[in-house]
Amino acid sequence: MSRFCKLSHALWHCKYHIVWVPKYRYRILKGSVGKEVNKCIHVFCGHKECKVEELNVQEDHVHLICMVPPKVSISDLMGTLKGRTAIRIFKQFSYLKKKPYWGNHFWAPGYCVDTIGLNE
């Protein structure tokens, strides 16, 4: 089986390594919060037709390696992942929203993205 995926007019193999952190890099992604973030990432990547290759949710950052189809931009994917996970986290763990340092923002602005080539 080929490592390439297929769209109607394209063969593609677009693999990205993406890293992002919670606001102020607080060590909040442990226990049930980390499990919920993990679940949300899998669900929302599925909505964008992205395939999660590897996912590692650390206490203060998230590493994601995923296959992203060329019709989906990385900024669109990250906007969905960060925005929708923040909404779900604040709904399930409302105590986080009450702390003065969170406000309406769960994730720090920005992210780091790198492409993974053919000889990864």
PDB file of N, CA and C in Angstrom:
ATOM      1  N   MET A   1       0.836  -1.188   0.000  1.00  0.00           N
ATOM      2  CA  MET A   1       0.000   0.000   0.000  1.00  0.00           C
ATOM      3  C   MET A   1       0.877   1.246   0.000  1.00  0.00           C
ATOM      4  N   SER A   2       0.524   2.214  -0.774  1.00  0.00           N
ATOM      5  CA  SER A   2       1.284   3.446  -0.904  1.00  0.00           C
ATOM      6  C   SER A   2       1.117   4.318   0.337  1.00  0.00           C
ATOM      7  N   ARG A   3       2.145   5.086   0.641  1.00  0.00           N
ATOM      8  CA  ARG A   3       2.038   6.012   1.770  1.00  0.00           C
ATOM      9  C   ARG A   3       1.239   7.250   1.394  1.00  0.00           C
ATOM     10  N   PHE A   4       0.979   7.422   0.090  1.00  0.00           N
ATOM     11  CA  PHE A   4       0.237   8.581  -0.381  1.00  0.00           C
ATOM     12  C   PHE A   4      -1.266   8.375  -0.208  1.00  0.00           C
ATOM     13  N   CYS A   5      -1.947   9.458   0.119  1.00  0.00           N
ATOM     14  CA  CYS A   5      -3.404   9.466   0.192  1.00  0.00           C
ATOM     15  C   CYS A   5      -3.918  10.067  -1.112  1.00  0.00           C
ATOM     16  N   LYS A   6      -5.197   9.876  -1.373  1.00  0.00           N
ATOM     17  CA  LYS A   6      -5.732  10.282  -2.662  1.00  0.00           C
ATOM     18  C   LYS A   6      -6.970  11.152  -2.501  1.00  0.00           C
ATOM     19  N   LEU A   7      -6.979  12.271  -3.222  1.00  0.00           N
ATOM     20  CA  LEU A   7      -8.165  13.083  -3.418  1.00  0.00           C
ATOM     21  C   LEU A   7      -8.560  12.916  -4.877  1.00  0.00           C
ATOM     22  N   SER A   8      -9.612  13.558  -5.303  1.00  0.00           N
ATOM     23  CA  SER A   8     -10.087  13.341  -6.673  1.00  0.00           C
ATOM     24  C   SER A   8      -9.040  13.716  -7.725  1.00  0.00           C
ATOM     25  N   HIS A   9      -8.234  14.761  -7.479  1.00  0.00           N
ATOM     26  CA  HIS A   9      -7.247  15.184  -8.470  1.00  0.00           C
ATOM     27  C   HIS A   9      -5.853  15.331  -7.869  1.00  0.00           C
ATOM     28  N   ALA A  10      -5.584  14.653  -6.777  1.00  0.00           N
ATOM     29  CA  ALA A  10      -4.277  14.823  -6.145  1.00  0.00           C
ATOM     30  C   ALA A  10      -3.881  13.588  -5.355  1.00  0.00           C
ATOM     31  N   LEU A  11      -2.610  13.269  -5.424  1.00  0.00           N
ATOM     32  CA  LEU A  11      -1.992  12.323  -4.492  1.00  0.00           C
ATOM     33  C   LEU A  11      -1.223  13.178  -3.498  1.00  0.00           C
ATOM     34  N   TRP A  12      -1.322  12.869  -2.232  1.00  0.00           N
ATOM     35  CA  TRP A  12      -0.673  13.723  -1.241  1.00  0.00           C
ATOM     36  C   TRP A  12      -0.133  12.935  -0.059  1.00  0.00           C
ATOM     37  N   HIS A  13       0.887  13.530   0.546  1.00  0.00           N
ATOM     38  CA  HIS A  13       1.494  13.014   1.769  1.00  0.00           C
ATOM     39  C   HIS A  13       1.989  14.241   2.538  1.00  0.00           C
ATOM     40  N   CYS A  14       1.106  14.890   3.257  1.00  0.00           N
ATOM     41  CA  CYS A  14       1.415  16.118   3.990  1.00  0.00           C
ATOM     42  C   CYS A  14       1.361  15.815   5.485  1.00  0.00           C
ATOM     43  N   LYS A  15       2.522  15.618   6.064  1.00  0.00           N
ATOM     44  CA  LYS A  15       2.601  15.277   7.482  1.00  0.00           C
ATOM     45  C   LYS A  15       3.244  16.446   8.228  1.00  0.00           C
ATOM     46  N   TYR A  16       2.630  16.848   9.341  1.00  0.00           N
ATOM     47  CA  TYR A  16       3.093  17.996  10.106  1.00  0.00           C
ATOM     48  C   TYR A  16       3.301  17.629  11.576  1.00  0.00           C
ATOM     49  N   HIS A  17       4.303  18.256  12.182  1.00  0.00           N
ATOM     50  CA  HIS A  17       4.543  18.163  13.626  1.00  0.00           C
ATOM     51  C   HIS A  17       4.168  19.530  14.192  1.00  0.00           C
ATOM     52  N   ILE A  18       3.163  19.547  15.073  1.00  0.00           N
ATOM     53  CA  ILE A  18       2.635  20.801  15.611  1.00  0.00           C
ATOM     54  C   ILE A  18       2.748  20.767  17.137  1.00  0.00           C
ATOM     55  N   VAL A  19       3.210  21.871  17.716  1.00  0.00           N
ATOM     56  CA  VAL A  19       3.352  21.985  19.172  1.00  0.00           C
ATOM     57  C   VAL A  19       2.677  23.278  19.617  1.00  0.00           C
ATOM     58  N   TRP A  20       1.878  23.206  20.686  1.00  0.00           N
ATOM     59  CA  TRP A  20       1.279  24.413  21.260  1.00  0.00           C
ATOM     60  C   TRP A  20       1.140  24.243  22.760  1.00  0.00           C
ATOM     61  N   VAL A  21       0.944  25.375  23.451  1.00  0.00           N
ATOM     62  CA  VAL A  21       0.996  25.385  24.918  1.00  0.00           C
ATOM     63  C   VAL A  21      -0.235  26.082  25.495  1.00  0.00           C
ATOM     64  N   PRO A  22      -0.590  25.744  26.746  1.00  0.00           N
ATOM     65  CA  PRO A  22      -1.652  26.500  27.429  1.00  0.00           C
ATOM     66  C   PRO A  22      -1.157  27.899  27.793  1.00  0.00           C
ATOM     67  N   LYS A  23      -2.092  28.761  28.096  1.00  0.00           N
ATOM     68  CA  LYS A  23      -1.760  30.130  28.473  1.00  0.00           C
ATOM     69  C   LYS A  23      -0.790  30.130  29.653  1.00  0.00           C
ATOM     70  N   TYR A  24       0.227  30.954  29.561  1.00  0.00           N
ATOM     71  CA  TYR A  24       1.288  31.087  30.573  1.00  0.00           C
ATOM     72  C   TYR A  24       2.046  29.781  30.795  1.00  0.00           C
ATOM     73  N   ARG A  25       1.853  28.817  29.915  1.00  0.00           N
ATOM     74  CA  ARG A  25       2.479  27.488  30.000  1.00  0.00           C
ATOM     75  C   ARG A  25       2.264  26.830  31.372  1.00  0.00           C
ATOM     76  N   TYR A  26       1.098  27.063  31.947  1.00  0.00           N
ATOM     77  CA  TYR A  26       0.759  26.421  33.214  1.00  0.00           C
ATOM     78  C   TYR A  26       0.662  24.916  33.020  1.00  0.00           C
ATOM     79  N   ARG A  27       0.994  24.177  34.027  1.00  0.00           N
ATOM     80  CA  ARG A  27       0.959  22.707  33.992  1.00  0.00           C
ATOM     81  C   ARG A  27      -0.451  22.222  34.319  1.00  0.00           C
ATOM     82  N   ILE A  28      -1.363  22.471  33.403  1.00  0.00           N
ATOM     83  CA  ILE A  28      -2.780  22.197  33.632  1.00  0.00           C
ATOM     84  C   ILE A  28      -3.264  20.960  32.889  1.00  0.00           C
ATOM     85  N   LEU A  29      -2.493  20.463  31.925  1.00  0.00           N
ATOM     86  CA  LEU A  29      -2.950  19.372  31.065  1.00  0.00           C
ATOM     87  C   LEU A  29      -2.652  18.002  31.663  1.00  0.00           C
ATOM     88  N   LYS A  30      -3.012  17.810  32.899  1.00  0.00           N
ATOM     89  CA  LYS A  30      -2.811  16.504  33.537  1.00  0.00           C
ATOM     90  C   LYS A  30      -4.149  15.975  34.024  1.00  0.00           C
ATOM     91  N   GLY A  31      -4.213  14.690  34.256  1.00  0.00           N
ATOM     92  CA  GLY A  31      -5.437  14.074  34.755  1.00  0.00           C
ATOM     93  C   GLY A  31      -6.572  14.147  33.757  1.00  0.00           C
ATOM     94  N   SER A  32      -7.748  14.491  34.261  1.00  0.00           N
ATOM     95  CA  SER A  32      -8.943  14.491  33.415  1.00  0.00           C
ATOM     96  C   SER A  32      -8.921  15.612  32.370  1.00  0.00           C
ATOM     97  N   VAL A  33      -8.245  16.718  32.645  1.00  0.00           N
ATOM     98  CA  VAL A  33      -8.138  17.795  31.656  1.00  0.00           C
ATOM     99  C   VAL A  33      -7.315  17.311  30.465  1.00  0.00           C
ATOM    100  N   GLY A  34      -6.202  16.654  30.729  1.00  0.00           N
ATOM    101  CA  GLY A  34      -5.361  16.116  29.656  1.00  0.00           C
ATOM    102  C   GLY A  34      -6.078  15.065  28.833  1.00  0.00           C
ATOM    103  N   LYS A  35      -6.852  14.204  29.503  1.00  0.00           N
ATOM    104  CA  LYS A  35      -7.605  13.177  28.777  1.00  0.00           C
ATOM    105  C   LYS A  35      -8.662  13.802  27.879  1.00  0.00           C
ATOM    106  N   GLU A  36      -9.321  14.854  28.366  1.00  0.00           N
ATOM    107  CA  GLU A  36     -10.334  15.529  27.557  1.00  0.00           C
ATOM    108  C   GLU A  36      -9.704  16.237  26.354  1.00  0.00           C
ATOM    109  N   VAL A  37      -8.540  16.854  26.551  1.00  0.00           N
ATOM    110  CA  VAL A  37      -7.832  17.492  25.440  1.00  0.00           C
ATOM    111  C   VAL A  37      -7.467  16.441  24.395  1.00  0.00           C
ATOM    112  N   ASN A  38      -6.970  15.307  24.848  1.00  0.00           N
ATOM    113  CA  ASN A  38      -6.605  14.207  23.940  1.00  0.00           C
ATOM    114  C   ASN A  38      -7.816  13.771  23.119  1.00  0.00           C
ATOM    115  N   LYS A  39      -8.936  13.564  23.787  1.00  0.00           N
ATOM    116  CA  LYS A  39     -10.154  13.130  23.099  1.00  0.00           C
ATOM    117  C   LYS A  39     -10.635  14.188  22.112  1.00  0.00           C
ATOM    118  N   CYS A  40     -10.616  15.450  22.519  1.00  0.00           N
ATOM    119  CA  CYS A  40     -11.073  16.534  21.651  1.00  0.00           C
ATOM    120  C   CYS A  40     -10.222  16.642  20.393  1.00  0.00           C
ATOM    121  N   ILE A  41      -8.914  16.499  20.527  1.00  0.00           N
ATOM    122  CA  ILE A  41      -8.027  16.604  19.369  1.00  0.00           C
ATOM    123  C   ILE A  41      -8.349  15.517  18.362  1.00  0.00           C
ATOM    124  N   HIS A  42      -8.560  14.296  18.838  1.00  0.00           N
ATOM    125  CA  HIS A  42      -8.910  13.201  17.928  1.00  0.00           C
ATOM    126  C   HIS A  42     -10.237  13.488  17.215  1.00  0.00           C
ATOM    127  N   VAL A  43     -11.223  13.974  17.947  1.00  0.00           N
ATOM    128  CA  VAL A  43     -12.541  14.238  17.366  1.00  0.00           C
ATOM    129  C   VAL A  43     -12.470  15.358  16.330  1.00  0.00           C
ATOM    130  N   PHE A  44     -11.831  16.476  16.680  1.00  0.00           N
ATOM    131  CA  PHE A  44     -11.817  17.625  15.784  1.00  0.00           C
ATOM    132  C   PHE A  44     -10.886  17.418  14.590  1.00  0.00           C
ATOM    133  N   CYS A  45      -9.838  16.624  14.744  1.00  0.00           N
ATOM    134  CA  CYS A  45      -9.018  16.265  13.576  1.00  0.00           C
ATOM    135  C   CYS A  45      -9.848  15.412  12.623  1.00  0.00           C
ATOM    136  N   GLY A  46     -10.668  14.541  13.164  1.00  0.00           N
ATOM    137  CA  GLY A  46     -11.552  13.736  12.330  1.00  0.00           C
ATOM    138  C   GLY A  46     -12.538  14.588  11.551  1.00  0.00           C
ATOM    139  N   HIS A  47     -13.037  15.653  12.177  1.00  0.00           N
ATOM    140  CA  HIS A  47     -13.966  16.557  11.488  1.00  0.00           C
ATOM    141  C   HIS A  47     -13.306  17.229  10.288  1.00  0.00           C
ATOM    142  N   LYS A  48     -12.010  17.502  10.389  1.00  0.00           N
ATOM    143  CA  LYS A  48     -11.270  18.152   9.299  1.00  0.00           C
ATOM    144  C   LYS A  48     -10.640  17.134   8.344  1.00  0.00           C
ATOM    145  N   GLU A  49     -10.953  15.860   8.525  1.00  0.00           N
ATOM    146  CA  GLU A  49     -10.424  14.766   7.702  1.00  0.00           C
ATOM    147  C   GLU A  49      -8.913  14.627   7.826  1.00  0.00           C
ATOM    148  N   CYS A  50      -8.383  14.960   8.986  1.00  0.00           N
ATOM    149  CA  CYS A  50      -6.960  14.800   9.265  1.00  0.00           C
ATOM    150  C   CYS A  50      -6.762  13.510  10.047  1.00  0.00           C
ATOM    151  N   LYS A  51      -5.641  12.868   9.823  1.00  0.00           N
ATOM    152  CA  LYS A  51      -5.348  11.609  10.503  1.00  0.00           C
ATOM    153  C   LYS A  51      -4.281  11.849  11.565  1.00  0.00           C
ATOM    154  N   VAL A  52      -4.601  11.559  12.812  1.00  0.00           N
ATOM    155  CA  VAL A  52      -3.646  11.715  13.910  1.00  0.00           C
ATOM    156  C   VAL A  52      -2.679  10.536  13.867  1.00  0.00           C
ATOM    157  N   GLU A  53      -1.407  10.816  13.617  1.00  0.00           N
ATOM    158  CA  GLU A  53      -0.371   9.778  13.603  1.00  0.00           C
ATOM    159  C   GLU A  53       0.137   9.537  15.027  1.00  0.00           C
ATOM    160  N   GLU A  54       0.484  10.626  15.708  1.00  0.00           N
ATOM    161  CA  GLU A  54       0.944  10.555  17.094  1.00  0.00           C
ATOM    162  C   GLU A  54       0.395  11.765  17.838  1.00  0.00           C
ATOM    163  N   LEU A  55       0.073  11.558  19.104  1.00  0.00           N
ATOM    164  CA  LEU A  55      -0.401  12.655  19.951  1.00  0.00           C
ATOM    165  C   LEU A  55       0.172  12.445  21.339  1.00  0.00           C
ATOM    166  N   ASN A  56       0.811  13.486  21.857  1.00  0.00           N
ATOM    167  CA  ASN A  56       1.406  13.419  23.188  1.00  0.00           C
ATOM    168  C   ASN A  56       0.996  14.682  23.935  1.00  0.00           C
ATOM    169  N   VAL A  57       0.128  14.518  24.926  1.00  0.00           N
ATOM    170  CA  VAL A  57      -0.324  15.647  25.744  1.00  0.00           C
ATOM    171  C   VAL A  57       0.501  15.642  27.021  1.00  0.00           C
ATOM    172  N   GLN A  58       1.444  16.567  27.113  1.00  0.00           N
ATOM    173  CA  GLN A  58       2.260  16.729  28.318  1.00  0.00           C
ATOM    174  C   GLN A  58       1.536  17.673  29.271  1.00  0.00           C
ATOM    175  N   GLU A  59       2.080  17.870  30.460  1.00  0.00           N
ATOM    176  CA  GLU A  59       1.421  18.748  31.437  1.00  0.00           C
ATOM    177  C   GLU A  59       1.363  20.199  30.963  1.00  0.00           C
ATOM    178  N   ASP A  60       2.378  20.637  30.201  1.00  0.00           N
ATOM    179  CA  ASP A  60       2.429  22.048  29.819  1.00  0.00           C
ATOM    180  C   ASP A  60       2.529  22.281  28.310  1.00  0.00           C
ATOM    181  N   HIS A  61       2.361  21.246  27.500  1.00  0.00           N
ATOM    182  CA  HIS A  61       2.336  21.435  26.047  1.00  0.00           C
ATOM    183  C   HIS A  61       1.775  20.198  25.359  1.00  0.00           C
ATOM    184  N   VAL A  62       1.452  20.370  24.072  1.00  0.00           N
ATOM    185  CA  VAL A  62       0.872  19.291  23.277  1.00  0.00           C
ATOM    186  C   VAL A  62       1.730  19.100  22.024  1.00  0.00           C
ATOM    187  N   HIS A  63       2.088  17.849  21.732  1.00  0.00           N
ATOM    188  CA  HIS A  63       2.759  17.487  20.478  1.00  0.00           C
ATOM    189  C   HIS A  63       1.766  16.702  19.638  1.00  0.00           C
ATOM    190  N   LEU A  64       1.616  17.099  18.377  1.00  0.00           N
ATOM    191  CA  LEU A  64       0.713  16.411  17.464  1.00  0.00           C
ATOM    192  C   LEU A  64       1.427  16.189  16.143  1.00  0.00           C
ATOM    193  N   ILE A  65       1.440  14.941  15.686  1.00  0.00           N
ATOM    194  CA  ILE A  65       1.901  14.622  14.340  1.00  0.00           C
ATOM    195  C   ILE A  65       0.690  14.114  13.594  1.00  0.00           C
ATOM    196  N   CYS A  66       0.339  14.818  12.513  1.00  0.00           N
ATOM    197  CA  CYS A  66      -0.863  14.423  11.788  1.00  0.00           C
ATOM    198  C   CYS A  66      -0.693  14.624  10.285  1.00  0.00           C
ATOM    199  N   MET A  67      -1.490  13.847   9.563  1.00  0.00           N
ATOM    200  CA  MET A  67      -1.584  13.965   8.112  1.00  0.00           C
ATOM    201  C   MET A  67      -2.722  14.938   7.829  1.00  0.00           C
ATOM    202  N   VAL A  68      -2.415  16.015   7.123  1.00  0.00           N
ATOM    203  CA  VAL A  68      -3.402  17.053   6.838  1.00  0.00           C
ATOM    204  C   VAL A  68      -3.594  17.119   5.327  1.00  0.00           C
ATOM    205  N   PRO A  69      -4.821  16.926   4.840  1.00  0.00           N
ATOM    206  CA  PRO A  69      -5.036  17.006   3.391  1.00  0.00           C
ATOM    207  C   PRO A  69      -4.724  18.404   2.866  1.00  0.00           C
ATOM    208  N   PRO A  70      -4.298  18.507   1.609  1.00  0.00           N
ATOM    209  CA  PRO A  70      -3.908  19.815   1.077  1.00  0.00           C
ATOM    210  C   PRO A  70      -5.051  20.820   1.004  1.00  0.00           C
ATOM    211  N   LYS A  71      -6.280  20.373   1.100  1.00  0.00           N
ATOM    212  CA  LYS A  71      -7.408  21.316   1.076  1.00  0.00           C
ATOM    213  C   LYS A  71      -7.650  21.980   2.425  1.00  0.00           C
ATOM    214  N   VAL A  72      -6.937  21.537   3.469  1.00  0.00           N
ATOM    215  CA  VAL A  72      -7.074  22.117   4.812  1.00  0.00           C
ATOM    216  C   VAL A  72      -5.794  22.868   5.154  1.00  0.00           C
ATOM    217  N   SER A  73      -5.916  24.154   5.472  1.00  0.00           N
ATOM    218  CA  SER A  73      -4.728  24.912   5.872  1.00  0.00           C
ATOM    219  C   SER A  73      -4.400  24.625   7.336  1.00  0.00           C
ATOM    220  N   ILE A  74      -3.135  24.752   7.670  1.00  0.00           N
ATOM    221  CA  ILE A  74      -2.698  24.496   9.052  1.00  0.00           C
ATOM    222  C   ILE A  74      -3.318  25.527   9.994  1.00  0.00           C
ATOM    223  N   SER A  75      -3.408  26.777   9.548  1.00  0.00           N
ATOM    224  CA  SER A  75      -4.007  27.794  10.422  1.00  0.00           C
ATOM    225  C   SER A  75      -5.480  27.506  10.676  1.00  0.00           C
ATOM    226  N   ASP A  76      -6.178  26.976   9.687  1.00  0.00           N
ATOM    227  CA  ASP A  76      -7.584  26.597   9.863  1.00  0.00           C
ATOM    228  C   ASP A  76      -7.701  25.426  10.844  1.00  0.00           C
ATOM    229  N   LEU A  77      -6.836  24.437  10.686  1.00  0.00           N
ATOM    230  CA  LEU A  77      -6.829  23.287  11.594  1.00  0.00           C
ATOM    231  C   LEU A  77      -6.540  23.726  13.024  1.00  0.00           C
ATOM    232  N   MET A  78      -5.525  24.572  13.191  1.00  0.00           N
ATOM    233  CA  MET A  78      -5.160  25.000  14.548  1.00  0.00           C
ATOM    234  C   MET A  78      -6.224  25.902  15.161  1.00  0.00           C
ATOM    235  N   GLY A  79      -6.864  26.729  14.343  1.00  0.00           N
ATOM    236  CA  GLY A  79      -7.962  27.546  14.860  1.00  0.00           C
ATOM    237  C   GLY A  79      -9.087  26.679  15.387  1.00  0.00           C
ATOM    238  N   THR A  80      -9.394  25.619  14.654  1.00  0.00           N
ATOM    239  CA  THR A  80     -10.438  24.694  15.095  1.00  0.00           C
ATOM    240  C   THR A  80     -10.004  23.947  16.346  1.00  0.00           C
ATOM    241  N   LEU A  81      -8.785  23.389  16.332  1.00  0.00           N
ATOM    242  CA  LEU A  81      -8.323  22.603  17.484  1.00  0.00           C
ATOM    243  C   LEU A  81      -8.258  23.443  18.752  1.00  0.00           C
ATOM    244  N   LYS A  82      -7.611  24.593  18.674  1.00  0.00           N
ATOM    245  CA  LYS A  82      -7.450  25.405  19.871  1.00  0.00           C
ATOM    246  C   LYS A  82      -8.770  26.026  20.325  1.00  0.00           C
ATOM    247  N   GLY A  83      -9.564  26.500  19.377  1.00  0.00           N
ATOM    248  CA  GLY A  83     -10.828  27.142  19.737  1.00  0.00           C
ATOM    249  C   GLY A  83     -11.848  26.173  20.305  1.00  0.00           C
ATOM    250  N   ARG A  84     -12.053  25.065  19.613  1.00  0.00           N
ATOM    251  CA  ARG A  84     -13.079  24.113  20.045  1.00  0.00           C
ATOM    252  C   ARG A  84     -12.674  23.371  21.317  1.00  0.00           C
ATOM    253  N   THR A  85     -11.365  23.034  21.462  1.00  0.00           N
ATOM    254  CA  THR A  85     -10.956  22.365  22.704  1.00  0.00           C
ATOM    255  C   THR A  85     -11.104  23.310  23.898  1.00  0.00           C
ATOM    256  N   ALA A  86     -10.790  24.587  23.704  1.00  0.00           N
ATOM    257  CA  ALA A  86     -10.937  25.551  24.803  1.00  0.00           C
ATOM    258  C   ALA A  86     -12.395  25.648  25.244  1.00  0.00           C
ATOM    259  N   ILE A  87     -13.306  25.684  24.278  1.00  0.00           N
ATOM    260  CA  ILE A  87     -14.732  25.749  24.618  1.00  0.00           C
ATOM    261  C   ILE A  87     -15.148  24.515  25.403  1.00  0.00           C
ATOM    262  N   ARG A  88     -14.738  23.326  24.942  1.00  0.00           N
ATOM    263  CA  ARG A  88     -15.108  22.088  25.631  1.00  0.00           C
ATOM    264  C   ARG A  88     -14.489  22.004  27.023  1.00  0.00           C
ATOM    265  N   ILE A  89     -13.238  22.424  27.150  1.00  0.00           N
ATOM    266  CA  ILE A  89     -12.566  22.371  28.459  1.00  0.00           C
ATOM    267  C   ILE A  89     -13.269  23.303  29.445  1.00  0.00           C
ATOM    268  N   PHE A  90     -13.588  24.522  29.020  1.00  0.00           N
ATOM    269  CA  PHE A  90     -14.252  25.465  29.918  1.00  0.00           C
ATOM    270  C   PHE A  90     -15.666  25.010  30.278  1.00  0.00           C
ATOM    271  N   LYS A  91     -16.341  24.290  29.390  1.00  0.00           N
ATOM    272  CA  LYS A  91     -17.673  23.763  29.726  1.00  0.00           C
ATOM    273  C   LYS A  91     -17.575  22.651  30.755  1.00  0.00           C
ATOM    274  N   GLN A  92     -16.613  21.756  30.577  1.00  0.00           N
ATOM    275  CA  GLN A  92     -16.499  20.613  31.482  1.00  0.00           C
ATOM    276  C   GLN A  92     -15.816  20.958  32.786  1.00  0.00           C
ATOM    277  N   PHE A  93     -14.858  21.849  32.742  1.00  0.00           N
ATOM    278  CA  PHE A  93     -14.093  22.197  33.937  1.00  0.00           C
ATOM    279  C   PHE A  93     -14.263  23.697  34.190  1.00  0.00           C
ATOM    280  N   SER A  94     -15.449  24.066  34.622  1.00  0.00           N
ATOM    281  CA  SER A  94     -15.780  25.491  34.772  1.00  0.00           C
ATOM    282  C   SER A  94     -14.923  26.192  35.822  1.00  0.00           C
ATOM    283  N   TYR A  95     -14.332  25.446  36.725  1.00  0.00           N
ATOM    284  CA  TYR A  95     -13.476  26.068  37.737  1.00  0.00           C
ATOM    285  C   TYR A  95     -12.259  26.749  37.091  1.00  0.00           C
ATOM    286  N   LEU A  96     -11.852  26.311  35.917  1.00  0.00           N
ATOM    287  CA  LEU A  96     -10.706  26.939  35.247  1.00  0.00           C
ATOM    288  C   LEU A  96     -11.024  28.356  34.793  1.00  0.00           C
ATOM    289  N   LYS A  97     -12.260  28.596  34.422  1.00  0.00           N
ATOM    290  CA  LYS A  97     -12.648  29.916  33.922  1.00  0.00           C
ATOM    291  C   LYS A  97     -12.708  30.945  35.048  1.00  0.00           C
ATOM    292  N   LYS A  98     -12.899  30.489  36.278  1.00  0.00           N
ATOM    293  CA  LYS A  98     -13.036  31.404  37.407  1.00  0.00           C
ATOM    294  C   LYS A  98     -11.698  31.935  37.893  1.00  0.00           C
ATOM    295  N   LYS A  99     -10.618  31.255  37.542  1.00  0.00           N
ATOM    296  CA  LYS A  99      -9.310  31.723  37.996  1.00  0.00           C
ATOM    297  C   LYS A  99      -8.966  33.005  37.246  1.00  0.00           C
ATOM    298  N   PRO A 100      -8.349  33.961  37.928  1.00  0.00           N
ATOM    299  CA  PRO A 100      -8.117  35.271  37.301  1.00  0.00           C
ATOM    300  C   PRO A 100      -7.175  35.230  36.102  1.00  0.00           C
ATOM    301  N   TYR A 101      -6.335  34.221  35.984  1.00  0.00           N
ATOM    302  CA  TYR A 101      -5.375  34.221  34.889  1.00  0.00           C
ATOM    303  C   TYR A 101      -5.911  33.585  33.618  1.00  0.00           C
ATOM    304  N   TRP A 102      -7.104  32.984  33.620  1.00  0.00           N
ATOM    305  CA  TRP A 102      -7.597  32.344  32.399  1.00  0.00           C
ATOM    306  C   TRP A 102      -8.476  33.254  31.570  1.00  0.00           C
ATOM    307  N   GLY A 103      -9.451  33.906  32.181  1.00  0.00           N
ATOM    308  CA  GLY A 103     -10.371  34.710  31.377  1.00  0.00           C
ATOM    309  C   GLY A 103     -11.083  33.806  30.381  1.00  0.00           C
ATOM    310  N   ASN A 104     -11.145  34.198  29.123  1.00  0.00           N
ATOM    311  CA  ASN A 104     -11.760  33.379  28.084  1.00  0.00           C
ATOM    312  C   ASN A 104     -10.723  32.678  27.215  1.00  0.00           C
ATOM    313  N   HIS A 105      -9.476  32.644  27.648  1.00  0.00           N
ATOM    314  CA  HIS A 105      -8.407  32.067  26.832  1.00  0.00           C
ATOM    315  C   HIS A 105      -7.784  30.885  27.563  1.00  0.00           C
ATOM    316  N   PHE A 106      -7.776  29.742  26.914  1.00  0.00           N
ATOM    317  CA  PHE A 106      -7.145  28.566  27.504  1.00  0.00           C
ATOM    318  C   PHE A 106      -5.740  28.363  26.934  1.00  0.00           C
ATOM    319  N   TRP A 107      -5.590  28.574  25.627  1.00  0.00           N
ATOM    320  CA  TRP A 107      -4.315  28.355  24.958  1.00  0.00           C
ATOM    321  C   TRP A 107      -3.564  29.673  24.772  1.00  0.00           C
ATOM    322  N   ALA A 108      -2.238  29.593  24.788  1.00  0.00           N
ATOM    323  CA  ALA A 108      -1.410  30.753  24.470  1.00  0.00           C
ATOM    324  C   ALA A 108      -1.552  31.047  22.974  1.00  0.00           C
ATOM    325  N   PRO A 109      -1.377  32.300  22.573  1.00  0.00           N
ATOM    326  CA  PRO A 109      -1.458  32.589  21.138  1.00  0.00           C
ATOM    327  C   PRO A 109      -0.295  31.938  20.400  1.00  0.00           C
ATOM    328  N   GLY A 110      -0.559  31.465  19.198  1.00  0.00           N
ATOM    329  CA  GLY A 110       0.488  30.912  18.354  1.00  0.00           C
ATOM    330  C   GLY A 110       0.706  29.421  18.552  1.00  0.00           C
ATOM    331  N   TYR A 111       1.574  28.883  17.717  1.00  0.00           N
ATOM    332  CA  TYR A 111       1.937  27.470  17.738  1.00  0.00           C
ATOM    333  C   TYR A 111       3.197  27.306  16.914  1.00  0.00           C
ATOM    334  N   CYS A 112       3.830  26.157  17.024  1.00  0.00           N
ATOM    335  CA  CYS A 112       5.011  25.825  16.237  1.00  0.00           C
ATOM    336  C   CYS A 112       4.627  24.688  15.295  1.00  0.00           C
ATOM    337  N   VAL A 113       4.954  24.816  14.016  1.00  0.00           N
ATOM    338  CA  VAL A 113       4.649  23.768  13.044  1.00  0.00           C
ATOM    339  C   VAL A 113       5.877  23.501  12.186  1.00  0.00           C
ATOM    340  N   ASP A 114       6.099  22.232  11.894  1.00  0.00           N
ATOM    341  CA  ASP A 114       7.211  21.807  11.051  1.00  0.00           C
ATOM    342  C   ASP A 114       6.714  20.689  10.146  1.00  0.00           C
ATOM    343  N   THR A 115       7.216  20.648   8.931  1.00  0.00           N
ATOM    344  CA  THR A 115       6.837  19.580   8.028  1.00  0.00           C
ATOM    345  C   THR A 115       7.740  18.373   8.258  1.00  0.00           C
ATOM    346  N   ILE A 116       7.199  17.212   7.980  1.00  0.00           N
ATOM    347  CA  ILE A 116       7.978  15.983   8.087  1.00  0.00           C
ATOM    348  C   ILE A 116       8.150  15.464   6.670  1.00  0.00           C
ATOM    349  N   GLY A 117       9.375  15.351   6.224  1.00  0.00           N
ATOM    350  CA  GLY A 117       9.659  14.969   4.844  1.00  0.00           C
ATOM    351  C   GLY A 117       9.564  13.488   4.580  1.00  0.00           C
ATOM    352  N   LEU A 118       9.963  13.093   3.383  1.00  0.00           N
ATOM    353  CA  LEU A 118       9.865  11.703   2.963  1.00  0.00           C
ATOM    354  C   LEU A 118      10.790  10.785   3.758  1.00  0.00           C
ATOM    355  N   ASN A 119      11.965  11.257   4.110  1.00  0.00           N
ATOM    356  CA  ASN A 119      12.883  10.421   4.893  1.00  0.00           C
ATOM    357  C   ASN A 119      12.877  10.853   6.353  1.00  0.00           C
ATOM    358  N   GLU A 120      11.697  10.798   6.944  1.00  0.00           N
ATOM    359  CA  GLU A 120      11.489  11.192   8.333  1.00  0.00           C
ATOM    360  C   GLU A 120      12.365  10.373   9.236  1.00  0.00           C
TER     361      GLU A 120
END
